């Protein structure tokens, strides 16, 4: 992990086309601005993990549905 210190108004770059800016700092919270190409998804980690779990559950449900369909056919 790379740990950086940044002040309000400063930014970091990831590659050539992703920029993370410090927009505001209040107490222990910071507000980030993220500029990235439209084809790159940007999620909060907890939302990303929830999406992954829902995708896994969907695959399991689809697998069971396919097994039931095979039994019927």
C-alpha atoms as a PDB file:
ATOM      1  CA  UNK A   1       0.000   0.000   0.000  1.00  0.00           C
ATOM      2  CA  UNK A   2       1.180   3.464  -0.837  1.00  0.00           C
ATOM      3  CA  UNK A   3       0.369   6.066   1.843  1.00  0.00           C
ATOM      4  CA  UNK A   4       0.403   9.710   0.777  1.00  0.00           C
ATOM      5  CA  UNK A   5      -0.213  13.016   2.498  1.00  0.00           C
ATOM      6  CA  UNK A   6      -2.310  15.496   0.542  1.00  0.00           C
ATOM      7  CA  UNK A   7      -3.863  18.838   1.384  1.00  0.00           C
ATOM      8  CA  UNK A   8      -7.200  20.269   0.296  1.00  0.00           C
ATOM      9  CA  UNK A   9      -7.011  21.097  -3.412  1.00  0.00           C
ATOM     10  CA  UNK A  10      -4.194  18.626  -4.110  1.00  0.00           C
ATOM     11  CA  UNK A  11      -4.540  15.433  -6.138  1.00  0.00           C
ATOM     12  CA  UNK A  12      -2.875  12.176  -7.101  1.00  0.00           C
ATOM     13  CA  UNK A  13      -2.825  10.491 -10.496  1.00  0.00           C
ATOM     14  CA  UNK A  14      -3.246   6.795 -11.212  1.00  0.00           C
ATOM     15  CA  UNK A  15      -1.930   5.980 -14.642  1.00  0.00           C
ATOM     16  CA  UNK A  16      -2.610   8.548 -17.321  1.00  0.00           C
ATOM     17  CA  UNK A  17      -6.340   8.976 -16.874  1.00  0.00           C
ATOM     18  CA  UNK A  18      -7.483   8.642 -13.236  1.00  0.00           C
ATOM     19  CA  UNK A  19      -7.232  11.600 -10.887  1.00  0.00           C
ATOM     20  CA  UNK A  20      -8.202  11.616  -7.212  1.00  0.00           C
ATOM     21  CA  UNK A  21      -8.575  15.088  -5.724  1.00  0.00           C
ATOM     22  CA  UNK A  22      -9.001  16.176  -2.111  1.00  0.00           C
ATOM     23  CA  UNK A  23     -12.081  18.400  -2.210  1.00  0.00           C
ATOM     24  CA  UNK A  24     -12.704  19.023   1.479  1.00  0.00           C
ATOM     25  CA  UNK A  25     -11.477  18.009   4.930  1.00  0.00           C
ATOM     26  CA  UNK A  26     -13.726  18.156   8.008  1.00  0.00           C
ATOM     27  CA  UNK A  27     -12.404  16.581  11.190  1.00  0.00           C
ATOM     28  CA  UNK A  28     -11.603  12.949  10.446  1.00  0.00           C
ATOM     29  CA  UNK A  29     -13.477  12.898   7.125  1.00  0.00           C
ATOM     30  CA  UNK A  30     -12.236  13.859   3.707  1.00  0.00           C
ATOM     31  CA  UNK A  31     -14.252  14.400   0.553  1.00  0.00           C
ATOM     32  CA  UNK A  32     -12.656  12.930  -2.559  1.00  0.00           C
ATOM     33  CA  UNK A  33     -13.312  13.752  -6.173  1.00  0.00           C
ATOM     34  CA  UNK A  34     -12.513  11.026  -8.692  1.00  0.00           C
ATOM     35  CA  UNK A  35     -12.112  11.701 -12.396  1.00  0.00           C
ATOM     36  CA  UNK A  36     -11.913   8.538 -14.490  1.00  0.00           C
ATOM     37  CA  UNK A  37     -12.935   7.381 -17.972  1.00  0.00           C
ATOM     38  CA  UNK A  38     -16.560   6.271 -18.284  1.00  0.00           C
ATOM     39  CA  UNK A  39     -15.495   2.671 -18.945  1.00  0.00           C
ATOM     40  CA  UNK A  40     -13.914   2.407 -15.473  1.00  0.00           C
ATOM     41  CA  UNK A  41     -16.351   1.701 -12.648  1.00  0.00           C
ATOM     42  CA  UNK A  42     -15.736   3.508  -9.361  1.00  0.00           C
ATOM     43  CA  UNK A  43     -17.446   2.162  -6.218  1.00  0.00           C
ATOM     44  CA  UNK A  44     -17.138   2.550  -2.477  1.00  0.00           C
ATOM     45  CA  UNK A  45     -15.584  -0.683  -1.200  1.00  0.00           C
ATOM     46  CA  UNK A  46     -18.644  -1.757   0.816  1.00  0.00           C
ATOM     47  CA  UNK A  47     -20.884  -1.300  -2.242  1.00  0.00           C
ATOM     48  CA  UNK A  48     -18.443  -3.232  -4.462  1.00  0.00           C
ATOM     49  CA  UNK A  49     -18.357  -6.138  -1.988  1.00  0.00           C
ATOM     50  CA  UNK A  50     -22.163  -6.193  -1.823  1.00  0.00           C
ATOM     51  CA  UNK A  51     -22.364  -6.316  -5.630  1.00  0.00           C
ATOM     52  CA  UNK A  52     -19.903  -9.230  -5.646  1.00  0.00           C
ATOM     53  CA  UNK A  53     -21.989 -11.152  -3.089  1.00  0.00           C
ATOM     54  CA  UNK A  54     -25.178 -10.542  -5.067  1.00  0.00           C
ATOM     55  CA  UNK A  55     -23.461 -11.735  -8.246  1.00  0.00           C
ATOM     56  CA  UNK A  56     -22.324 -14.931  -6.502  1.00  0.00           C
ATOM     57  CA  UNK A  57     -25.840 -15.547  -5.179  1.00  0.00           C
ATOM     58  CA  UNK A  58     -27.260 -14.975  -8.660  1.00  0.00           C
ATOM     59  CA  UNK A  59     -24.876 -17.510 -10.184  1.00  0.00           C
ATOM     60  CA  UNK A  60     -25.837 -20.089  -7.560  1.00  0.00           C
ATOM     61  CA  UNK A  61     -29.537 -19.439  -8.156  1.00  0.00           C
ATOM     62  CA  UNK A  62     -29.042 -19.664 -11.927  1.00  0.00           C
ATOM     63  CA  UNK A  63     -27.143 -22.925 -11.494  1.00  0.00           C
ATOM     64  CA  UNK A  64     -29.993 -24.422  -9.473  1.00  0.00           C
ATOM     65  CA  UNK A  65     -32.527 -23.221 -12.039  1.00  0.00           C
ATOM     66  CA  UNK A  66     -30.511 -24.877 -14.826  1.00  0.00           C
ATOM     67  CA  UNK A  67     -30.388 -28.158 -12.884  1.00  0.00           C
ATOM     68  CA  UNK A  68     -34.163 -28.045 -12.397  1.00  0.00           C
ATOM     69  CA  UNK A  69     -34.656 -27.312 -16.100  1.00  0.00           C
ATOM     70  CA  UNK A  70     -32.430 -30.271 -17.031  1.00  0.00           C
ATOM     71  CA  UNK A  71     -34.524 -32.535 -14.802  1.00  0.00           C
ATOM     72  CA  UNK A  72     -37.714 -31.343 -16.479  1.00  0.00           C
ATOM     73  CA  UNK A  73     -36.310 -31.877 -19.959  1.00  0.00           C
END
